[in-house]
PDB file of N, CA and C in Angstrom:
ATOM      1  N   MET A   1      -7.617 -45.847  36.584  1.00  0.00           N
ATOM      2  CA  MET A   1      -7.155 -45.785  35.103  1.00  0.00           C
ATOM      3  C   MET A   1      -7.721 -44.758  34.534  1.00  0.00           C
ATOM      4  N   ALA A   2      -6.927 -44.008  33.804  1.00  0.00           N
ATOM      5  CA  ALA A   2      -7.141 -42.617  33.162  1.00  0.00           C
ATOM      6  C   ALA A   2      -7.884 -43.334  31.869  1.00  0.00           C
ATOM      7  N   ASP A   3      -8.724 -42.558  31.399  1.00  0.00           N
ATOM      8  CA  ASP A   3      -9.636 -42.746  29.936  1.00  0.00           C
ATOM      9  C   ASP A   3      -8.603 -42.406  28.691  1.00  0.00           C
ATOM     10  N   TRP A   4      -7.946 -43.350  28.416  1.00  0.00           N
ATOM     11  CA  TRP A   4      -7.048 -42.967  26.879  1.00  0.00           C
ATOM     12  C   TRP A   4      -7.918 -42.561  26.038  1.00  0.00           C
ATOM     13  N   THR A   5      -9.171 -42.522  25.765  1.00  0.00           N
ATOM     14  CA  THR A   5      -9.917 -42.173  24.545  1.00  0.00           C
ATOM     15  C   THR A   5      -9.933 -40.558  24.668  1.00  0.00           C
ATOM     16  N   SER A   6     -10.276 -40.029  25.793  1.00  0.00           N
ATOM     17  CA  SER A   6     -10.261 -38.456  26.024  1.00  0.00           C
ATOM     18  C   SER A   6      -8.862 -37.954  26.220  1.00  0.00           C
ATOM     19  N   ASP A   7      -8.120 -38.574  26.575  1.00  0.00           N
ATOM     20  CA  ASP A   7      -6.488 -38.020  26.452  1.00  0.00           C
ATOM     21  C   ASP A   7      -6.195 -38.220  25.114  1.00  0.00           C
ATOM     22  N   ALA A   8      -6.606 -39.048  24.154  1.00  0.00           N
ATOM     23  CA  ALA A   8      -6.186 -39.017  22.513  1.00  0.00           C
ATOM     24  C   ALA A   8      -7.002 -37.754  22.203  1.00  0.00           C
ATOM     25  N   VAL A   9      -7.923 -37.688  22.366  1.00  0.00           N
ATOM     26  CA  VAL A   9      -8.976 -36.465  21.748  1.00  0.00           C
ATOM     27  C   VAL A   9      -8.122 -35.132  22.226  1.00  0.00           C
ATOM     28  N   ASP A  10      -7.749 -35.156  23.322  1.00  0.00           N
ATOM     29  CA  ASP A  10      -7.342 -33.850  24.040  1.00  0.00           C
ATOM     30  C   ASP A  10      -5.891 -33.492  23.176  1.00  0.00           C
ATOM     31  N   THR A  11      -5.223 -34.500  22.880  1.00  0.00           N
ATOM     32  CA  THR A  11      -3.966 -34.324  22.364  1.00  0.00           C
ATOM     33  C   THR A  11      -4.040 -33.797  20.864  1.00  0.00           C
ATOM     34  N   ILE A  12      -4.898 -34.645  20.419  1.00  0.00           N
ATOM     35  CA  ILE A  12      -5.227 -34.178  18.828  1.00  0.00           C
ATOM     36  C   ILE A  12      -5.852 -32.695  18.928  1.00  0.00           C
ATOM     37  N   GLU A  13      -6.669 -32.282  19.585  1.00  0.00           N
ATOM     38  CA  GLU A  13      -7.040 -31.235  19.628  1.00  0.00           C
ATOM     39  C   GLU A  13      -6.110 -30.112  20.011  1.00  0.00           C
ATOM     40  N   ASN A  14      -5.128 -30.361  20.995  1.00  0.00           N
ATOM     41  CA  ASN A  14      -4.030 -29.329  21.293  1.00  0.00           C
ATOM     42  C   ASN A  14      -2.984 -29.071  19.852  1.00  0.00           C
ATOM     43  N   VAL A  15      -2.900 -30.540  19.209  1.00  0.00           N
ATOM     44  CA  VAL A  15      -1.959 -30.442  17.931  1.00  0.00           C
ATOM     45  C   VAL A  15      -2.855 -29.402  17.246  1.00  0.00           C
ATOM     46  N   VAL A  16      -4.086 -29.718  16.827  1.00  0.00           N
ATOM     47  CA  VAL A  16      -4.683 -28.695  15.766  1.00  0.00           C
ATOM     48  C   VAL A  16      -4.797 -27.529  16.231  1.00  0.00           C
ATOM     49  N   ALA A  17      -4.739 -27.216  17.469  1.00  0.00           N
ATOM     50  CA  ALA A  17      -5.017 -25.727  18.067  1.00  0.00           C
ATOM     51  C   ALA A  17      -3.578 -25.000  17.706  1.00  0.00           C
ATOM     52  N   THR A  18      -2.517 -25.948  17.991  1.00  0.00           N
ATOM     53  CA  THR A  18      -1.352 -25.206  17.724  1.00  0.00           C
ATOM     54  C   THR A  18      -0.891 -24.772  16.271  1.00  0.00           C
ATOM     55  N   VAL A  19      -1.323 -25.692  15.357  1.00  0.00           N
ATOM     56  CA  VAL A  19      -1.011 -25.827  13.899  1.00  0.00           C
ATOM     57  C   VAL A  19      -1.780 -24.617  13.372  1.00  0.00           C
ATOM     58  N   ARG A  20      -2.978 -24.681  13.651  1.00  0.00           N
ATOM     59  CA  ARG A  20      -3.889 -23.401  13.499  1.00  0.00           C
ATOM     60  C   ARG A  20      -3.163 -22.010  13.712  1.00  0.00           C
ATOM     61  N   ASP A  21      -2.623 -22.029  15.207  1.00  0.00           N
ATOM     62  CA  ASP A  21      -2.115 -20.848  15.575  1.00  0.00           C
ATOM     63  C   ASP A  21      -0.855 -20.127  14.806  1.00  0.00           C
ATOM     64  N   LYS A  22      -0.199 -21.550  14.479  1.00  0.00           N
ATOM     65  CA  LYS A  22       1.227 -21.024  13.624  1.00  0.00           C
ATOM     66  C   LYS A  22       0.834 -20.995  12.073  1.00  0.00           C
ATOM     67  N   THR A  23      -0.426 -21.200  11.488  1.00  0.00           N
ATOM     68  CA  THR A  23      -0.459 -21.023  10.172  1.00  0.00           C
ATOM     69  C   THR A  23      -1.650 -20.242   9.572  1.00  0.00           C
ATOM     70  N   VAL A  24      -2.796 -20.397  10.286  1.00  0.00           N
ATOM     71  CA  VAL A  24      -3.967 -19.968   9.953  1.00  0.00           C
ATOM     72  C   VAL A  24      -4.010 -18.390  10.479  1.00  0.00           C
ATOM     73  N   VAL A  25      -3.499 -18.209  11.653  1.00  0.00           N
ATOM     74  CA  VAL A  25      -3.834 -16.809  12.380  1.00  0.00           C
ATOM     75  C   VAL A  25      -2.564 -15.751  11.700  1.00  0.00           C
ATOM     76  N   PRO A  26      -1.591 -16.189  11.337  1.00  0.00           N
ATOM     77  CA  PRO A  26      -0.604 -15.434  10.747  1.00  0.00           C
ATOM     78  C   PRO A  26      -1.157 -15.271   9.107  1.00  0.00           C
ATOM     79  N   ALA A  27      -1.537 -16.034   8.490  1.00  0.00           N
ATOM     80  CA  ALA A  27      -2.081 -15.833   7.105  1.00  0.00           C
ATOM     81  C   ALA A  27      -3.184 -14.903   6.935  1.00  0.00           C
ATOM     82  N   GLN A  28      -4.253 -14.838   8.494  1.00  0.00           N
ATOM     83  CA  GLN A  28      -5.297 -13.985   8.454  1.00  0.00           C
ATOM     84  C   GLN A  28      -4.906 -12.778   8.629  1.00  0.00           C
ATOM     85  N   LYS A  29      -3.471 -12.460   9.337  1.00  0.00           N
ATOM     86  CA  LYS A  29      -3.258 -11.122   9.411  1.00  0.00           C
ATOM     87  C   LYS A  29      -2.638 -10.357   8.293  1.00  0.00           C
ATOM     88  N   ALA A  30      -1.887 -11.341   7.231  1.00  0.00           N
ATOM     89  CA  ALA A  30      -1.238 -10.676   6.334  1.00  0.00           C
ATOM     90  C   ALA A  30      -2.425 -10.737   5.304  1.00  0.00           C
ATOM     91  N   THR A  31      -3.366 -11.472   5.232  1.00  0.00           N
ATOM     92  CA  THR A  31      -4.529 -10.847   4.424  1.00  0.00           C
ATOM     93  C   THR A  31      -5.211  -9.660   4.734  1.00  0.00           C
ATOM     94  N   LYS A  32      -5.199  -9.390   6.236  1.00  0.00           N
ATOM     95  CA  LYS A  32      -5.954  -8.075   6.486  1.00  0.00           C
ATOM     96  C   LYS A  32      -5.014  -6.780   6.142  1.00  0.00           C
ATOM     97  N   VAL A  33      -3.758  -6.962   6.068  1.00  0.00           N
ATOM     98  CA  VAL A  33      -2.691  -6.066   5.858  1.00  0.00           C
ATOM     99  C   VAL A  33      -3.061  -5.797   4.262  1.00  0.00           C
ATOM    100  N   VAL A  34      -3.017  -6.900   3.735  1.00  0.00           N
ATOM    101  CA  VAL A  34      -2.717  -6.479   1.992  1.00  0.00           C
ATOM    102  C   VAL A  34      -4.241  -5.775   1.698  1.00  0.00           C
ATOM    103  N   VAL A  35      -5.467  -6.275   2.035  1.00  0.00           N
ATOM    104  CA  VAL A  35      -6.806  -5.833   1.794  1.00  0.00           C
ATOM    105  C   VAL A  35      -6.751  -4.326   2.292  1.00  0.00           C
ATOM    106  N   PHE A  36      -6.223  -3.847   3.378  1.00  0.00           N
ATOM    107  CA  PHE A  36      -6.512  -2.740   4.112  1.00  0.00           C
ATOM    108  C   PHE A  36      -5.567  -1.927   3.236  1.00  0.00           C
ATOM    109  N   GLY A  37      -4.512  -2.276   2.774  1.00  0.00           N
ATOM    110  CA  GLY A  37      -3.338  -1.470   2.234  1.00  0.00           C
ATOM    111  C   GLY A  37      -3.854  -1.171   0.699  1.00  0.00           C
ATOM    112  N   LEU A  38      -4.451  -2.111   0.115  1.00  0.00           N
ATOM    113  CA  LEU A  38      -5.101  -1.675  -1.134  1.00  0.00           C
ATOM    114  C   LEU A  38      -6.359  -0.889  -1.006  1.00  0.00           C
ATOM    115  N   LEU A  39      -6.778  -0.785  -0.040  1.00  0.00           N
ATOM    116  CA  LEU A  39      -8.069   0.104  -0.112  1.00  0.00           C
ATOM    117  C   LEU A  39      -7.301   1.501   0.333  1.00  0.00           C
ATOM    118  N   VAL A  40      -6.695   1.571   1.242  1.00  0.00           N
ATOM    119  CA  VAL A  40      -5.950   2.932   1.375  1.00  0.00           C
ATOM    120  C   VAL A  40      -5.262   3.463   0.605  1.00  0.00           C
ATOM    121  N   ALA A  41      -4.595   2.468  -0.488  1.00  0.00           N
ATOM    122  CA  ALA A  41      -3.970   2.837  -1.777  1.00  0.00           C
ATOM    123  C   ALA A  41      -4.876   3.700  -2.490  1.00  0.00           C
ATOM    124  N   PHE A  42      -5.760   3.101  -2.653  1.00  0.00           N
ATOM    125  CA  PHE A  42      -6.985   3.477  -3.639  1.00  0.00           C
ATOM    126  C   PHE A  42      -7.558   4.671  -3.146  1.00  0.00           C
ATOM    127  N   PHE A  43      -7.624   4.675  -1.934  1.00  0.00           N
ATOM    128  CA  PHE A  43      -8.103   6.272  -1.558  1.00  0.00           C
ATOM    129  C   PHE A  43      -7.484   7.227  -1.446  1.00  0.00           C
ATOM    130  N   VAL A  44      -5.882   7.175  -1.338  1.00  0.00           N
ATOM    131  CA  VAL A  44      -5.086   8.147  -1.318  1.00  0.00           C
ATOM    132  C   VAL A  44      -4.781   8.557  -2.764  1.00  0.00           C
ATOM    133  N   ILE A  45      -4.919   7.408  -3.876  1.00  0.00           N
ATOM    134  CA  ILE A  45      -4.910   7.884  -5.250  1.00  0.00           C
ATOM    135  C   ILE A  45      -5.754   8.728  -5.766  1.00  0.00           C
ATOM    136  N   THR A  46      -6.940   8.304  -5.375  1.00  0.00           N
ATOM    137  CA  THR A  46      -8.299   8.921  -5.728  1.00  0.00           C
ATOM    138  C   THR A  46      -8.127  10.581  -5.021  1.00  0.00           C
ATOM    139  N   ALA A  47      -7.825  10.714  -3.883  1.00  0.00           N
ATOM    140  CA  ALA A  47      -7.643  12.049  -3.381  1.00  0.00           C
ATOM    141  C   ALA A  47      -6.574  12.890  -3.869  1.00  0.00           C
ATOM    142  N   VAL A  48      -5.561  12.177  -4.133  1.00  0.00           N
ATOM    143  CA  VAL A  48      -4.266  13.175  -4.754  1.00  0.00           C
ATOM    144  C   VAL A  48      -4.899  13.689  -6.479  1.00  0.00           C
ATOM    145  N   LEU A  49      -5.772  12.447  -6.980  1.00  0.00           N
ATOM    146  CA  LEU A  49      -5.804  13.004  -8.248  1.00  0.00           C
ATOM    147  C   LEU A  49      -7.171  14.110  -8.111  1.00  0.00           C
ATOM    148  N   MET A  50      -8.081  14.153  -7.179  1.00  0.00           N
ATOM    149  CA  MET A  50      -8.838  15.217  -7.119  1.00  0.00           C
ATOM    150  C   MET A  50      -8.436  16.392  -6.573  1.00  0.00           C
ATOM    151  N   LEU A  51      -7.295  16.303  -5.828  1.00  0.00           N
ATOM    152  CA  LEU A  51      -6.514  17.393  -5.391  1.00  0.00           C
ATOM    153  C   LEU A  51      -5.907  18.103  -6.710  1.00  0.00           C
ATOM    154  N   ALA A  52      -5.290  17.298  -7.357  1.00  0.00           N
ATOM    155  CA  ALA A  52      -4.805  17.946  -8.717  1.00  0.00           C
ATOM    156  C   ALA A  52      -5.638  18.503  -9.429  1.00  0.00           C
ATOM    157  N   ILE A  53      -7.125  17.864  -9.828  1.00  0.00           N
ATOM    158  CA  ILE A  53      -7.890  18.568 -10.489  1.00  0.00           C
ATOM    159  C   ILE A  53      -8.438  19.717  -9.966  1.00  0.00           C
ATOM    160  N   ALA A  54      -8.624  19.877  -8.628  1.00  0.00           N
ATOM    161  CA  ALA A  54      -8.810  21.066  -8.122  1.00  0.00           C
ATOM    162  C   ALA A  54      -7.967  22.224  -8.191  1.00  0.00           C
ATOM    163  N   LEU A  55      -6.642  21.876  -8.070  1.00  0.00           N
ATOM    164  CA  LEU A  55      -5.459  22.788  -8.069  1.00  0.00           C
ATOM    165  C   LEU A  55      -5.508  23.479  -9.480  1.00  0.00           C
ATOM    166  N   PHE A  56      -5.923  22.681 -10.581  1.00  0.00           N
ATOM    167  CA  PHE A  56      -5.891  23.015 -11.534  1.00  0.00           C
ATOM    168  C   PHE A  56      -6.865  24.105 -11.909  1.00  0.00           C
ATOM    169  N   ARG A  57      -8.364  23.720 -11.356  1.00  0.00           N
ATOM    170  CA  ARG A  57      -9.302  24.524 -11.595  1.00  0.00           C
ATOM    171  C   ARG A  57      -8.947  26.069 -10.736  1.00  0.00           C
ATOM    172  N   VAL A  58      -8.596  25.981  -9.648  1.00  0.00           N
ATOM    173  CA  VAL A  58      -8.047  27.077  -8.960  1.00  0.00           C
ATOM    174  C   VAL A  58      -7.186  27.887  -9.892  1.00  0.00           C
ATOM    175  N   LEU A  59      -6.289  27.298 -10.271  1.00  0.00           N
ATOM    176  CA  LEU A  59      -5.149  27.875 -11.350  1.00  0.00           C
ATOM    177  C   LEU A  59      -5.666  28.471 -12.520  1.00  0.00           C
ATOM    178  N   VAL A  60      -6.615  27.781 -13.030  1.00  0.00           N
ATOM    179  CA  VAL A  60      -7.497  28.556 -14.117  1.00  0.00           C
ATOM    180  C   VAL A  60      -8.101  29.875 -13.706  1.00  0.00           C
ATOM    181  N   VAL A  61      -8.882  29.644 -12.400  1.00  0.00           N
ATOM    182  CA  VAL A  61      -9.417  30.876 -12.409  1.00  0.00           C
ATOM    183  C   VAL A  61      -8.546  31.919 -11.589  1.00  0.00           C
ATOM    184  N   LEU A  62      -7.495  31.548 -11.047  1.00  0.00           N
ATOM    185  CA  LEU A  62      -6.544  32.717 -10.543  1.00  0.00           C
ATOM    186  C   LEU A  62      -5.615  33.361 -11.824  1.00  0.00           C
ATOM    187  N   THR A  63      -5.198  32.712 -12.591  1.00  0.00           N
ATOM    188  CA  THR A  63      -4.358  32.810 -13.765  1.00  0.00           C
ATOM    189  C   THR A  63      -5.415  33.614 -15.228  1.00  0.00           C
ATOM    190  N   GLY A  64      -6.408  32.870 -15.106  1.00  0.00           N
ATOM    191  CA  GLY A  64      -7.542  33.594 -16.306  1.00  0.00           C
ATOM    192  C   GLY A  64      -6.844  33.003 -17.411  1.00  0.00           C
ATOM    193  N   GLU A  65      -5.878  32.070 -17.570  1.00  0.00           N
ATOM    194  CA  GLU A  65      -5.439  31.270 -19.015  1.00  0.00           C
ATOM    195  C   GLU A  65      -5.277  29.806 -18.734  1.00  0.00           C
ATOM    196  N   VAL A  66      -5.714  29.160 -19.273  1.00  0.00           N
ATOM    197  CA  VAL A  66      -5.599  27.626 -19.138  1.00  0.00           C
ATOM    198  C   VAL A  66      -4.341  27.197 -19.647  1.00  0.00           C
ATOM    199  N   TRP A  67      -3.661  27.881 -20.106  1.00  0.00           N
ATOM    200  CA  TRP A  67      -2.126  27.520 -20.612  1.00  0.00           C
ATOM    201  C   TRP A  67      -1.195  27.711 -19.311  1.00  0.00           C
ATOM    202  N   ALA A  68      -1.517  28.913 -18.833  1.00  0.00           N
ATOM    203  CA  ALA A  68      -0.482  29.120 -17.650  1.00  0.00           C
ATOM    204  C   ALA A  68      -0.847  28.083 -16.437  1.00  0.00           C
ATOM    205  N   ALA A  69      -2.399  27.702 -16.292  1.00  0.00           N
ATOM    206  CA  ALA A  69      -2.337  26.609 -15.149  1.00  0.00           C
ATOM    207  C   ALA A  69      -1.571  25.623 -15.692  1.00  0.00           C
ATOM    208  N   TYR A  70      -1.793  24.935 -16.970  1.00  0.00           N
ATOM    209  CA  TYR A  70      -0.902  23.782 -17.440  1.00  0.00           C
ATOM    210  C   TYR A  70       0.418  23.869 -17.076  1.00  0.00           C
ATOM    211  N   LEU A  71       0.919  25.177 -17.234  1.00  0.00           N
ATOM    212  CA  LEU A  71       2.299  25.225 -17.236  1.00  0.00           C
ATOM    213  C   LEU A  71       2.748  25.179 -15.696  1.00  0.00           C
ATOM    214  N   ILE A  72       2.147  25.767 -15.017  1.00  0.00           N
ATOM    215  CA  ILE A  72       2.424  25.905 -13.399  1.00  0.00           C
ATOM    216  C   ILE A  72       2.409  24.476 -12.912  1.00  0.00           C
ATOM    217  N   LEU A  73       1.037  23.935 -13.111  1.00  0.00           N
ATOM    218  CA  LEU A  73       0.852  22.182 -12.624  1.00  0.00           C
ATOM    219  C   LEU A  73       1.907  21.436 -13.416  1.00  0.00           C
ATOM    220  N   GLY A  74       2.326  21.776 -14.536  1.00  0.00           N
ATOM    221  CA  GLY A  74       3.458  20.837 -14.978  1.00  0.00           C
ATOM    222  C   GLY A  74       4.684  20.737 -14.415  1.00  0.00           C
ATOM    223  N   GLY A  75       4.932  22.317 -14.041  1.00  0.00           N
ATOM    224  CA  GLY A  75       6.105  22.485 -13.547  1.00  0.00           C
ATOM    225  C   GLY A  75       6.201  21.880 -12.203  1.00  0.00           C
ATOM    226  N   ILE A  76       5.044  21.996 -11.433  1.00  0.00           N
ATOM    227  CA  ILE A  76       5.056  21.262 -10.168  1.00  0.00           C
ATOM    228  C   ILE A  76       5.295  19.515 -10.289  1.00  0.00           C
ATOM    229  N   PHE A  77       4.703  19.111 -11.095  1.00  0.00           N
ATOM    230  CA  PHE A  77       4.819  17.770 -11.320  1.00  0.00           C
ATOM    231  C   PHE A  77       6.155  17.402 -11.583  1.00  0.00           C
ATOM    232  N   VAL A  78       6.739  18.250 -12.388  1.00  0.00           N
ATOM    233  CA  VAL A  78       8.215  17.921 -13.061  1.00  0.00           C
ATOM    234  C   VAL A  78       9.013  18.089 -11.818  1.00  0.00           C
ATOM    235  N   LEU A  79       9.065  18.881 -10.922  1.00  0.00           N
ATOM    236  CA  LEU A  79       9.636  19.276  -9.589  1.00  0.00           C
ATOM    237  C   LEU A  79       9.493  18.113  -8.639  1.00  0.00           C
ATOM    238  N   ALA A  80       8.362  17.807  -8.724  1.00  0.00           N
ATOM    239  CA  ALA A  80       8.229  16.450  -7.746  1.00  0.00           C
ATOM    240  C   ALA A  80       8.643  15.189  -8.054  1.00  0.00           C
ATOM    241  N   GLY A  81       8.633  15.048  -9.486  1.00  0.00           N
ATOM    242  CA  GLY A  81       9.396  13.839 -10.143  1.00  0.00           C
ATOM    243  C   GLY A  81      10.750  13.730  -9.868  1.00  0.00           C
ATOM    244  N   ALA A  82      11.350  14.922 -10.047  1.00  0.00           N
ATOM    245  CA  ALA A  82      12.837  15.138  -9.934  1.00  0.00           C
ATOM    246  C   ALA A  82      13.128  14.881  -8.327  1.00  0.00           C
ATOM    247  N   PHE A  83      12.383  15.130  -7.643  1.00  0.00           N
ATOM    248  CA  PHE A  83      12.829  15.177  -6.142  1.00  0.00           C
ATOM    249  C   PHE A  83      12.698  13.553  -5.865  1.00  0.00           C
ATOM    250  N   VAL A  84      11.591  12.997  -6.204  1.00  0.00           N
ATOM    251  CA  VAL A  84      11.527  11.467  -6.084  1.00  0.00           C
ATOM    252  C   VAL A  84      12.850  10.666  -7.010  1.00  0.00           C
ATOM    253  N   TRP A  85      12.981  11.344  -8.166  1.00  0.00           N
ATOM    254  CA  TRP A  85      13.968  10.572  -8.774  1.00  0.00           C
ATOM    255  C   TRP A  85      15.257  10.542  -7.993  1.00  0.00           C
ATOM    256  N   MET A  86      15.787  11.855  -7.380  1.00  0.00           N
ATOM    257  CA  MET A  86      16.945  11.735  -6.478  1.00  0.00           C
ATOM    258  C   MET A  86      16.889  10.960  -5.308  1.00  0.00           C
ATOM    259  N   LEU A  87      15.579  10.609  -4.826  1.00  0.00           N
ATOM    260  CA  LEU A  87      15.583   9.583  -3.417  1.00  0.00           C
ATOM    261  C   LEU A  87      15.627   8.196  -3.919  1.00  0.00           C
ATOM    262  N   ARG A  88      15.662   7.983  -5.120  1.00  0.00           N
ATOM    263  CA  ARG A  88      15.949   6.656  -5.570  1.00  0.00           C
ATOM    264  C   ARG A  88      17.233   5.910  -5.107  1.00  0.00           C
ATOM    265  N   SER A  89      17.385   4.768  -5.031  1.00  0.00           N
ATOM    266  CA  SER A  89      18.250   3.841  -4.544  1.00  0.00           C
ATOM    267  C   SER A  89      19.198   3.796  -5.813  1.00  0.00           C
ATOM    268  N   PRO A  90      20.352   3.968  -5.736  1.00  0.00           N
ATOM    269  CA  PRO A  90      21.578   3.587  -6.760  1.00  0.00           C
ATOM    270  C   PRO A  90      21.157   2.238  -7.314  1.00  0.00           C
ATOM    271  N   ARG A  91      21.449   1.893  -8.560  1.00  0.00           N
ATOM    272  CA  ARG A  91      21.247   0.445  -9.393  1.00  0.00           C
ATOM    273  C   ARG A  91      22.583  -0.230  -9.052  1.00  0.00           C
ATOM    274  N   ASN A  92      22.477  -1.396  -8.924  1.00  0.00           N
ATOM    275  CA  ASN A  92      23.579  -2.497  -8.656  1.00  0.00           C
ATOM    276  C   ASN A  92      24.108  -2.333  -9.988  1.00  0.00           C
ATOM    277  N   GLU A  93      25.368  -2.169 -10.041  1.00  0.00           N
ATOM    278  CA  GLU A  93      26.127  -2.352 -11.506  1.00  0.00           C
ATOM    279  C   GLU A  93      26.419  -4.064 -11.724  1.00  0.00           C
ATOM    280  N   GLU A  94      26.311  -4.727 -11.044  1.00  0.00           N
ATOM    281  CA  GLU A  94      26.422  -6.095 -11.474  1.00  0.00           C
ATOM    282  C   GLU A  94      25.105  -6.825 -11.987  1.00  0.00           C
ATOM    283  N   ALA A  95      23.831  -6.073 -11.632  1.00  0.00           N
ATOM    284  CA  ALA A  95      22.746  -6.606 -12.165  1.00  0.00           C
ATOM    285  C   ALA A  95      22.784  -6.137 -13.743  1.00  0.00           C
ATOM    286  N   ASN A  96      23.474  -5.240 -14.155  1.00  0.00           N
ATOM    287  CA  ASN A  96      23.482  -4.932 -15.591  1.00  0.00           C
ATOM    288  C   ASN A  96      24.226  -5.622 -16.565  1.00  0.00           C
ATOM    289  N   VAL A  97      25.151  -6.462 -16.075  1.00  0.00           N
ATOM    290  CA  VAL A  97      26.074  -7.252 -16.743  1.00  0.00           C
ATOM    291  C   VAL A  97      25.454  -8.417 -17.546  1.00  0.00           C
TER     292      VAL A  97
END
C-alpha cells in the first residue's frame, strides 16, 4: 500500500511549483526588463546631453562666437525635431470627436 501522505505532499509540491512557474517567473522577468530599461534610458539620456554639451563647446572653439554655436546647434535640434515629427503616426480622427 502506498503512503498517501507522501503522495499528497508531492501533489501539493507540484501544484505550488507549477503556480510559481506560471506567475512568479514571468513577473521576475518583466521586472528585470523594466529595471534594465530604465537604467539604459538614464545612461543614454546622460550620454546624449554630454554629447550636446561637447558639441556646443567644440562649435564655440571652431566659430569663435557663442551666438554662432547656438545657431548651429539650434538648427540641428530643429531639424532633428522636424524629422521625428514626420515619423509620428497620424492621429485617429475619431478620438478628437
